[in-house]
Amino acid sequence: MVRHLGAFNETGPDVKMLKLAAGAELPAAAIPYQQARFIVDGGVEYAGEKYPGISFTYIPPDEKIGATRAYTESTLLVITWSYRGGPAVLPALAS
């Protein structure tokens, strides 16, 4: 489940809350903008390491990230943003 909490302009921040069932997986990707992921509760596994609730990760732009799997029901707060003149986080808001 994804709950969109807010977007402030085309370069962000764009804020979402993700609820992942145990075993659910966010696919590997390389995104052109920055992202912060806060594990609010539950826990996820990434690159062979387990991260329990109240963990944080920062993903720089264009960083290739592997799949992230919830090993228990988990809630993540995800904040995505770009930089001035960078790629739009929300293309529909770009003019």
PDB file of N, CA and C in Angstrom:
ATOM      1  N   MET A   1       0.845  -1.170   0.000  1.00  0.00           N
ATOM      2  CA  MET A   1       0.000   0.000   0.000  1.00  0.00           C
ATOM      3  C   MET A   1       0.894   1.238   0.000  1.00  0.00           C
ATOM      4  N   VAL A   2       0.533   2.216  -0.812  1.00  0.00           N
ATOM      5  CA  VAL A   2       1.263   3.479  -0.872  1.00  0.00           C
ATOM      6  C   VAL A   2       0.304   4.597  -0.507  1.00  0.00           C
ATOM      7  N   ARG A   3       0.703   5.415   0.452  1.00  0.00           N
ATOM      8  CA  ARG A   3      -0.090   6.597   0.808  1.00  0.00           C
ATOM      9  C   ARG A   3       0.758   7.819   0.482  1.00  0.00           C
ATOM     10  N   HIS A   4       0.281   8.620  -0.478  1.00  0.00           N
ATOM     11  CA  HIS A   4       0.985   9.836  -0.871  1.00  0.00           C
ATOM     12  C   HIS A   4       0.681  10.917   0.159  1.00  0.00           C
ATOM     13  N   LEU A   5       1.715  11.437   0.821  1.00  0.00           N
ATOM     14  CA  LEU A   5       1.522  12.418   1.878  1.00  0.00           C
ATOM     15  C   LEU A   5       1.671  13.856   1.402  1.00  0.00           C
ATOM     16  N   GLY A   6       2.440  14.078   0.331  1.00  0.00           N
ATOM     17  CA  GLY A   6       2.572  15.443  -0.163  1.00  0.00           C
ATOM     18  C   GLY A   6       3.682  15.588  -1.175  1.00  0.00           C
ATOM     19  N   ALA A   7       3.518  16.579  -2.035  1.00  0.00           N
ATOM     20  CA  ALA A   7       4.532  16.966  -3.007  1.00  0.00           C
ATOM     21  C   ALA A   7       4.558  18.484  -3.024  1.00  0.00           C
ATOM     22  N   PHE A   8       5.749  19.038  -3.091  1.00  0.00           N
ATOM     23  CA  PHE A   8       5.852  20.475  -2.896  1.00  0.00           C
ATOM     24  C   PHE A   8       6.227  21.254  -4.152  1.00  0.00           C
ATOM     25  N   ASN A   9       6.861  20.647  -5.106  1.00  0.00           N
ATOM     26  CA  ASN A   9       7.074  21.209  -6.443  1.00  0.00           C
ATOM     27  C   ASN A   9       7.639  20.105  -7.323  1.00  0.00           C
ATOM     28  N   GLU A  10       7.972  20.415  -8.575  1.00  0.00           N
ATOM     29  CA  GLU A  10       8.384  19.359  -9.494  1.00  0.00           C
ATOM     30  C   GLU A  10       9.705  18.688  -9.100  1.00  0.00           C
ATOM     31  N   THR A  11      10.531  19.352  -8.297  1.00  0.00           N
ATOM     32  CA  THR A  11      11.780  18.719  -7.873  1.00  0.00           C
ATOM     33  C   THR A  11      11.692  18.156  -6.462  1.00  0.00           C
ATOM     34  N   GLY A  12      10.515  18.222  -5.861  1.00  0.00           N
ATOM     35  CA  GLY A  12      10.300  17.633  -4.545  1.00  0.00           C
ATOM     36  C   GLY A  12      10.427  18.659  -3.437  1.00  0.00           C
ATOM     37  N   PRO A  13      10.331  18.154  -2.246  1.00  0.00           N
ATOM     38  CA  PRO A  13      10.253  16.738  -1.931  1.00  0.00           C
ATOM     39  C   PRO A  13       8.879  16.140  -2.213  1.00  0.00           C
ATOM     40  N   ASP A  14       8.899  14.861  -2.518  1.00  0.00           N
ATOM     41  CA  ASP A  14       7.702  14.046  -2.692  1.00  0.00           C
ATOM     42  C   ASP A  14       7.738  13.040  -1.539  1.00  0.00           C
ATOM     43  N   VAL A  15       6.704  13.011  -0.724  1.00  0.00           N
ATOM     44  CA  VAL A  15       6.704  12.217   0.505  1.00  0.00           C
ATOM     45  C   VAL A  15       5.615  11.142   0.430  1.00  0.00           C
ATOM     46  N   LYS A  16       6.027   9.895   0.679  1.00  0.00           N
ATOM     47  CA  LYS A  16       5.091   8.763   0.641  1.00  0.00           C
ATOM     48  C   LYS A  16       5.324   7.866   1.849  1.00  0.00           C
ATOM     49  N   MET A  17       4.274   7.188   2.269  1.00  0.00           N
ATOM     50  CA  MET A  17       4.357   6.164   3.301  1.00  0.00           C
ATOM     51  C   MET A  17       4.045   4.841   2.605  1.00  0.00           C
ATOM     52  N   LEU A  18       4.939   3.866   2.740  1.00  0.00           N
ATOM     53  CA  LEU A  18       4.747   2.544   2.134  1.00  0.00           C
ATOM     54  C   LEU A  18       4.477   1.525   3.232  1.00  0.00           C
ATOM     55  N   LYS A  19       3.483   0.710   3.035  1.00  0.00           N
ATOM     56  CA  LYS A  19       3.194  -0.404   3.939  1.00  0.00           C
ATOM     57  C   LYS A  19       3.495  -1.664   3.145  1.00  0.00           C
ATOM     58  N   LEU A  20       4.474  -2.457   3.601  1.00  0.00           N
ATOM     59  CA  LEU A  20       4.884  -3.660   2.895  1.00  0.00           C
ATOM     60  C   LEU A  20       4.505  -4.893   3.696  1.00  0.00           C
ATOM     61  N   ALA A  21       3.886  -5.845   3.037  1.00  0.00           N
ATOM     62  CA  ALA A  21       3.588  -7.134   3.672  1.00  0.00           C
ATOM     63  C   ALA A  21       4.898  -7.911   3.817  1.00  0.00           C
ATOM     64  N   ALA A  22       4.949  -8.824   4.755  1.00  0.00           N
ATOM     65  CA  ALA A  22       6.128  -9.678   4.910  1.00  0.00           C
ATOM     66  C   ALA A  22       6.399 -10.386   3.588  1.00  0.00           C
ATOM     67  N   GLY A  23       7.634 -10.330   3.127  1.00  0.00           N
ATOM     68  CA  GLY A  23       8.016 -10.956   1.866  1.00  0.00           C
ATOM     69  C   GLY A  23       7.896 -10.048   0.656  1.00  0.00           C
ATOM     70  N   ALA A  24       7.225  -8.889   0.798  1.00  0.00           N
ATOM     71  CA  ALA A  24       7.105  -7.949  -0.325  1.00  0.00           C
ATOM     72  C   ALA A  24       8.474  -7.358  -0.634  1.00  0.00           C
ATOM     73  N   GLU A  25       8.664  -6.986  -1.902  1.00  0.00           N
ATOM     74  CA  GLU A  25       9.979  -6.522  -2.331  1.00  0.00           C
ATOM     75  C   GLU A  25       9.877  -5.258  -3.169  1.00  0.00           C
ATOM     76  N   LEU A  26      10.733  -4.285  -2.878  1.00  0.00           N
ATOM     77  CA  LEU A  26      10.906  -3.124  -3.747  1.00  0.00           C
ATOM     78  C   LEU A  26      11.994  -3.514  -4.736  1.00  0.00           C
ATOM     79  N   PRO A  27      11.767  -3.379  -6.047  1.00  0.00           N
ATOM     80  CA  PRO A  27      12.730  -3.876  -7.029  1.00  0.00           C
ATOM     81  C   PRO A  27      14.025  -3.057  -7.069  1.00  0.00           C
ATOM     82  N   ALA A  28      15.064  -3.683  -7.590  1.00  0.00           N
ATOM     83  CA  ALA A  28      16.329  -2.980  -7.824  1.00  0.00           C
ATOM     84  C   ALA A  28      16.083  -1.857  -8.826  1.00  0.00           C
ATOM     85  N   ALA A  29      16.831  -0.765  -8.699  1.00  0.00           N
ATOM     86  CA  ALA A  29      16.629   0.372  -9.590  1.00  0.00           C
ATOM     87  C   ALA A  29      17.809   1.331  -9.504  1.00  0.00           C
ATOM     88  N   ALA A  30      17.866   2.235 -10.448  1.00  0.00           N
ATOM     89  CA  ALA A  30      18.771   3.392 -10.398  1.00  0.00           C
ATOM     90  C   ALA A  30      17.879   4.586 -10.708  1.00  0.00           C
ATOM     91  N   ILE A  31      17.650   5.443  -9.732  1.00  0.00           N
ATOM     92  CA  ILE A  31      16.775   6.587  -9.938  1.00  0.00           C
ATOM     93  C   ILE A  31      17.613   7.853 -10.083  1.00  0.00           C
ATOM     94  N   PRO A  32      17.164   8.815 -10.893  1.00  0.00           N
ATOM     95  CA  PRO A  32      17.981   9.999 -11.176  1.00  0.00           C
ATOM     96  C   PRO A  32      17.897  11.092 -10.112  1.00  0.00           C
ATOM     97  N   TYR A  33      17.301  10.809  -8.981  1.00  0.00           N
ATOM     98  CA  TYR A  33      17.171  11.810  -7.922  1.00  0.00           C
ATOM     99  C   TYR A  33      17.522  11.185  -6.579  1.00  0.00           C
ATOM    100  N   GLN A  34      17.538  11.978  -5.544  1.00  0.00           N
ATOM    101  CA  GLN A  34      17.899  11.540  -4.192  1.00  0.00           C
ATOM    102  C   GLN A  34      16.690  10.947  -3.485  1.00  0.00           C
ATOM    103  N   GLN A  35      16.981  10.041  -2.571  1.00  0.00           N
ATOM    104  CA  GLN A  35      15.884   9.443  -1.815  1.00  0.00           C
ATOM    105  C   GLN A  35      16.369   9.111  -0.403  1.00  0.00           C
ATOM    106  N   ALA A  36      15.502   9.358   0.564  1.00  0.00           N
ATOM    107  CA  ALA A  36      15.742   8.954   1.949  1.00  0.00           C
ATOM    108  C   ALA A  36      14.642   7.964   2.311  1.00  0.00           C
ATOM    109  N   ARG A  37      15.042   6.853   2.915  1.00  0.00           N
ATOM    110  CA  ARG A  37      14.086   5.837   3.348  1.00  0.00           C
ATOM    111  C   ARG A  37      14.224   5.642   4.856  1.00  0.00           C
ATOM    112  N   PHE A  38      13.130   5.848   5.563  1.00  0.00           N
ATOM    113  CA  PHE A  38      13.085   5.648   6.997  1.00  0.00           C
ATOM    114  C   PHE A  38      12.236   4.404   7.269  1.00  0.00           C
ATOM    115  N   ILE A  39      12.786   3.419   7.942  1.00  0.00           N
ATOM    116  CA  ILE A  39      12.016   2.239   8.321  1.00  0.00           C
ATOM    117  C   ILE A  39      11.365   2.576   9.656  1.00  0.00           C
ATOM    118  N   VAL A  40      10.074   2.836   9.599  1.00  0.00           N
ATOM    119  CA  VAL A  40       9.332   3.273  10.779  1.00  0.00           C
ATOM    120  C   VAL A  40       9.056   2.101  11.712  1.00  0.00           C
ATOM    121  N   ASP A  41       8.599   0.991  11.147  1.00  0.00           N
ATOM    122  CA  ASP A  41       8.421  -0.224  11.946  1.00  0.00           C
ATOM    123  C   ASP A  41       8.581  -1.438  11.058  1.00  0.00           C
ATOM    124  N   GLY A  42       8.722  -2.592  11.682  1.00  0.00           N
ATOM    125  CA  GLY A  42       8.964  -3.816  10.932  1.00  0.00           C
ATOM    126  C   GLY A  42      10.453  -3.961  10.674  1.00  0.00           C
ATOM    127  N   GLY A  43      10.807  -4.415   9.495  1.00  0.00           N
ATOM    128  CA  GLY A  43      12.205  -4.577   9.140  1.00  0.00           C
ATOM    129  C   GLY A  43      12.367  -4.994   7.695  1.00  0.00           C
ATOM    130  N   VAL A  44      13.472  -4.589   7.088  1.00  0.00           N
ATOM    131  CA  VAL A  44      13.759  -4.943   5.700  1.00  0.00           C
ATOM    132  C   VAL A  44      15.160  -5.530   5.597  1.00  0.00           C
ATOM    133  N   GLU A  45      15.358  -6.255   4.516  1.00  0.00           N
ATOM    134  CA  GLU A  45      16.662  -6.815   4.204  1.00  0.00           C
ATOM    135  C   GLU A  45      17.150  -6.191   2.913  1.00  0.00           C
ATOM    136  N   TYR A  46      18.401  -5.738   2.925  1.00  0.00           N
ATOM    137  CA  TYR A  46      19.006  -5.117   1.750  1.00  0.00           C
ATOM    138  C   TYR A  46      20.475  -5.533   1.706  1.00  0.00           C
ATOM    139  N   ALA A  47      20.919  -6.017   0.567  1.00  0.00           N
ATOM    140  CA  ALA A  47      22.318  -6.409   0.347  1.00  0.00           C
ATOM    141  C   ALA A  47      22.804  -7.388   1.429  1.00  0.00           C
ATOM    142  N   GLY A  48      21.938  -8.323   1.804  1.00  0.00           N
ATOM    143  CA  GLY A  48      22.324  -9.335   2.769  1.00  0.00           C
ATOM    144  C   GLY A  48      22.312  -8.903   4.225  1.00  0.00           C
ATOM    145  N   GLU A  49      21.938  -7.664   4.502  1.00  0.00           N
ATOM    146  CA  GLU A  49      21.872  -7.145   5.873  1.00  0.00           C
ATOM    147  C   GLU A  49      20.425  -6.897   6.257  1.00  0.00           C
ATOM    148  N   LYS A  50      20.100  -7.101   7.529  1.00  0.00           N
ATOM    149  CA  LYS A  50      18.754  -6.817   8.029  1.00  0.00           C
ATOM    150  C   LYS A  50      18.755  -5.486   8.757  1.00  0.00           C
ATOM    151  N   TYR A  51      17.720  -4.681   8.471  1.00  0.00           N
ATOM    152  CA  TYR A  51      17.565  -3.372   9.086  1.00  0.00           C
ATOM    153  C   TYR A  51      16.214  -3.319   9.788  1.00  0.00           C
ATOM    154  N   PRO A  52      16.219  -3.202  11.113  1.00  0.00           N
ATOM    155  CA  PRO A  52      14.965  -3.169  11.871  1.00  0.00           C
ATOM    156  C   PRO A  52      14.330  -1.781  11.829  1.00  0.00           C
ATOM    157  N   GLY A  53      13.130  -1.684  12.411  1.00  0.00           N
ATOM    158  CA  GLY A  53      12.457  -0.397  12.519  1.00  0.00           C
ATOM    159  C   GLY A  53      13.355   0.644  13.152  1.00  0.00           C
ATOM    160  N   ILE A  54      13.121   1.887  12.795  1.00  0.00           N
ATOM    161  CA  ILE A  54      13.892   3.055  13.200  1.00  0.00           C
ATOM    162  C   ILE A  54      15.299   2.996  12.603  1.00  0.00           C
ATOM    163  N   SER A  55      15.373   2.589  11.344  1.00  0.00           N
ATOM    164  CA  SER A  55      16.611   2.646  10.564  1.00  0.00           C
ATOM    165  C   SER A  55      16.409   3.653   9.445  1.00  0.00           C
ATOM    166  N   PHE A  56      17.506   4.112   8.852  1.00  0.00           N
ATOM    167  CA  PHE A  56      17.472   5.147   7.823  1.00  0.00           C
ATOM    168  C   PHE A  56      18.526   4.838   6.776  1.00  0.00           C
ATOM    169  N   THR A  57      18.202   5.163   5.523  1.00  0.00           N
ATOM    170  CA  THR A  57      19.202   5.099   4.467  1.00  0.00           C
ATOM    171  C   THR A  57      19.013   6.280   3.523  1.00  0.00           C
ATOM    172  N   TYR A  58      20.122   6.775   2.993  1.00  0.00           N
ATOM    173  CA  TYR A  58      20.114   7.847   1.991  1.00  0.00           C
ATOM    174  C   TYR A  58      20.647   7.259   0.700  1.00  0.00           C
ATOM    175  N   ILE A  59      19.942   7.528  -0.402  1.00  0.00           N
ATOM    176  CA  ILE A  59      20.352   7.027  -1.716  1.00  0.00           C
ATOM    177  C   ILE A  59      20.658   8.234  -2.598  1.00  0.00           C
ATOM    178  N   PRO A  60      21.917   8.417  -3.013  1.00  0.00           N
ATOM    179  CA  PRO A  60      22.259   9.546  -3.872  1.00  0.00           C
ATOM    180  C   PRO A  60      21.724   9.355  -5.292  1.00  0.00           C
ATOM    181  N   PRO A  61      21.654  10.445  -6.080  1.00  0.00           N
ATOM    182  CA  PRO A  61      21.133  10.329  -7.448  1.00  0.00           C
ATOM    183  C   PRO A  61      21.958   9.353  -8.289  1.00  0.00           C
ATOM    184  N   ASP A  62      21.257   8.595  -9.132  1.00  0.00           N
ATOM    185  CA  ASP A  62      21.842   7.640 -10.080  1.00  0.00           C
ATOM    186  C   ASP A  62      22.563   6.457  -9.423  1.00  0.00           C
ATOM    187  N   GLU A  63      22.416   6.299  -8.127  1.00  0.00           N
ATOM    188  CA  GLU A  63      23.008   5.157  -7.423  1.00  0.00           C
ATOM    189  C   GLU A  63      22.191   3.905  -7.735  1.00  0.00           C
ATOM    190  N   LYS A  64      22.847   2.845  -8.175  1.00  0.00           N
ATOM    191  CA  LYS A  64      22.154   1.580  -8.427  1.00  0.00           C
ATOM    192  C   LYS A  64      21.912   0.920  -7.073  1.00  0.00           C
ATOM    193  N   ILE A  65      20.639   0.678  -6.776  1.00  0.00           N
ATOM    194  CA  ILE A  65      20.297   0.034  -5.511  1.00  0.00           C
ATOM    195  C   ILE A  65      19.676  -1.322  -5.793  1.00  0.00           C
ATOM    196  N   GLY A  66      20.006  -2.279  -4.966  1.00  0.00           N
ATOM    197  CA  GLY A  66      19.448  -3.621  -5.111  1.00  0.00           C
ATOM    198  C   GLY A  66      18.029  -3.678  -4.565  1.00  0.00           C
ATOM    199  N   ALA A  67      17.427  -4.828  -4.706  1.00  0.00           N
ATOM    200  CA  ALA A  67      16.071  -5.035  -4.190  1.00  0.00           C
ATOM    201  C   ALA A  67      16.066  -4.926  -2.668  1.00  0.00           C
ATOM    202  N   THR A  68      14.974  -4.424  -2.141  1.00  0.00           N
ATOM    203  CA  THR A  68      14.766  -4.313  -0.695  1.00  0.00           C
ATOM    204  C   THR A  68      13.552  -5.166  -0.356  1.00  0.00           C
ATOM    205  N   ARG A  69      13.722  -6.133   0.567  1.00  0.00           N
ATOM    206  CA  ARG A  69      12.652  -7.064   0.893  1.00  0.00           C
ATOM    207  C   ARG A  69      12.248  -6.918   2.359  1.00  0.00           C
ATOM    208  N   ALA A  70      10.946  -6.846   2.589  1.00  0.00           N
ATOM    209  CA  ALA A  70      10.429  -6.791   3.964  1.00  0.00           C
ATOM    210  C   ALA A  70      10.463  -8.198   4.543  1.00  0.00           C
ATOM    211  N   TYR A  71      11.159  -8.397   5.656  1.00  0.00           N
ATOM    212  CA  TYR A  71      11.171  -9.726   6.287  1.00  0.00           C
ATOM    213  C   TYR A  71      10.058  -9.869   7.319  1.00  0.00           C
ATOM    214  N   THR A  72       9.362  -8.788   7.591  1.00  0.00           N
ATOM    215  CA  THR A  72       8.159  -8.783   8.410  1.00  0.00           C
ATOM    216  C   THR A  72       7.302  -7.633   7.895  1.00  0.00           C
ATOM    217  N   GLU A  73       6.044  -7.559   8.265  1.00  0.00           N
ATOM    218  CA  GLU A  73       5.231  -6.420   7.828  1.00  0.00           C
ATOM    219  C   GLU A  73       5.946  -5.135   8.242  1.00  0.00           C
ATOM    220  N   SER A  74       6.090  -4.205   7.304  1.00  0.00           N
ATOM    221  CA  SER A  74       6.923  -3.025   7.547  1.00  0.00           C
ATOM    222  C   SER A  74       6.272  -1.752   7.018  1.00  0.00           C
ATOM    223  N   THR A  75       6.622  -0.641   7.644  1.00  0.00           N
ATOM    224  CA  THR A  75       6.189   0.679   7.205  1.00  0.00           C
ATOM    225  C   THR A  75       7.434   1.513   6.930  1.00  0.00           C
ATOM    226  N   LEU A  76       7.489   2.106   5.734  1.00  0.00           N
ATOM    227  CA  LEU A  76       8.609   2.961   5.347  1.00  0.00           C
ATOM    228  C   LEU A  76       8.095   4.347   4.990  1.00  0.00           C
ATOM    229  N   LEU A  77       8.802   5.366   5.430  1.00  0.00           N
ATOM    230  CA  LEU A  77       8.559   6.739   5.002  1.00  0.00           C
ATOM    231  C   LEU A  77       9.618   7.024   3.949  1.00  0.00           C
ATOM    232  N   VAL A  78       9.191   7.366   2.723  1.00  0.00           N
ATOM    233  CA  VAL A  78      10.116   7.580   1.614  1.00  0.00           C
ATOM    234  C   VAL A  78       9.999   9.029   1.142  1.00  0.00           C
ATOM    235  N   ILE A  79      11.128   9.728   1.145  1.00  0.00           N
ATOM    236  CA  ILE A  79      11.179  11.120   0.697  1.00  0.00           C
ATOM    237  C   ILE A  79      12.114  11.186  -0.502  1.00  0.00           C
ATOM    238  N   THR A  80      11.596  11.695  -1.620  1.00  0.00           N
ATOM    239  CA  THR A  80      12.347  11.779  -2.865  1.00  0.00           C
ATOM    240  C   THR A  80      12.441  13.240  -3.281  1.00  0.00           C
ATOM    241  N   TRP A  81      13.646  13.659  -3.708  1.00  0.00           N
ATOM    242  CA  TRP A  81      13.815  15.027  -4.177  1.00  0.00           C
ATOM    243  C   TRP A  81      14.942  15.097  -5.196  1.00  0.00           C
ATOM    244  N   SER A  82      14.900  16.142  -6.003  1.00  0.00           N
ATOM    245  CA  SER A  82      15.902  16.374  -7.026  1.00  0.00           C
ATOM    246  C   SER A  82      16.689  17.619  -6.630  1.00  0.00           C
ATOM    247  N   TYR A  83      17.309  18.245  -7.572  1.00  0.00           N
ATOM    248  CA  TYR A  83      18.053  19.479  -7.338  1.00  0.00           C
ATOM    249  C   TYR A  83      17.613  20.497  -8.376  1.00  0.00           C
ATOM    250  N   ARG A  84      17.843  21.758  -8.101  1.00  0.00           N
ATOM    251  CA  ARG A  84      17.422  22.817  -9.023  1.00  0.00           C
ATOM    252  C   ARG A  84      17.986  22.522 -10.412  1.00  0.00           C
ATOM    253  N   GLY A  85      17.106  22.473 -11.403  1.00  0.00           N
ATOM    254  CA  GLY A  85      17.513  22.176 -12.774  1.00  0.00           C
ATOM    255  C   GLY A  85      17.651  20.690 -13.040  1.00  0.00           C
ATOM    256  N   GLY A  86      17.443  19.854 -12.027  1.00  0.00           N
ATOM    257  CA  GLY A  86      17.573  18.405 -12.187  1.00  0.00           C
ATOM    258  C   GLY A  86      16.297  17.792 -12.735  1.00  0.00           C
ATOM    259  N   PRO A  87      16.280  16.461 -12.842  1.00  0.00           N
ATOM    260  CA  PRO A  87      15.093  15.789 -13.364  1.00  0.00           C
ATOM    261  C   PRO A  87      13.901  15.974 -12.436  1.00  0.00           C
ATOM    262  N   ALA A  88      12.732  16.071 -13.019  1.00  0.00           N
ATOM    263  CA  ALA A  88      11.511  16.269 -12.233  1.00  0.00           C
ATOM    264  C   ALA A  88      11.151  14.993 -11.496  1.00  0.00           C
ATOM    265  N   VAL A  89      10.853  15.120 -10.223  1.00  0.00           N
ATOM    266  CA  VAL A  89      10.370  13.998  -9.417  1.00  0.00           C
ATOM    267  C   VAL A  89       8.920  13.710  -9.808  1.00  0.00           C
ATOM    268  N   LEU A  90       8.174  14.766 -10.060  1.00  0.00           N
ATOM    269  CA  LEU A  90       6.774  14.669 -10.444  1.00  0.00           C
ATOM    270  C   LEU A  90       6.588  15.373 -11.790  1.00  0.00           C
ATOM    271  N   PRO A  91       6.786  14.681 -12.906  1.00  0.00           N
ATOM    272  CA  PRO A  91       6.699  15.303 -14.234  1.00  0.00           C
ATOM    273  C   PRO A  91       5.398  16.039 -14.487  1.00  0.00           C
ATOM    274  N   ALA A  92       4.297  15.583 -13.893  1.00  0.00           N
ATOM    275  CA  ALA A  92       3.002  16.242 -14.114  1.00  0.00           C
ATOM    276  C   ALA A  92       3.002  17.680 -13.601  1.00  0.00           C
ATOM    277  N   LEU A  93       3.886  18.010 -12.652  1.00  0.00           N
ATOM    278  CA  LEU A  93       3.950  19.365 -12.122  1.00  0.00           C
ATOM    279  C   LEU A  93       4.919  20.242 -12.903  1.00  0.00           C
ATOM    280  N   ALA A  94       5.759  19.636 -13.755  1.00  0.00           N
ATOM    281  CA  ALA A  94       6.742  20.419 -14.519  1.00  0.00           C
ATOM    282  C   ALA A  94       6.022  21.301 -15.530  1.00  0.00           C
ATOM    283  N   SER A  95       6.555  22.490 -15.722  1.00  0.00           N
ATOM    284  CA  SER A  95       5.907  23.397 -16.693  1.00  0.00           C
ATOM    285  C   SER A  95       6.624  23.420 -18.015  1.00  0.00           C
TER     286      SER A  95
END
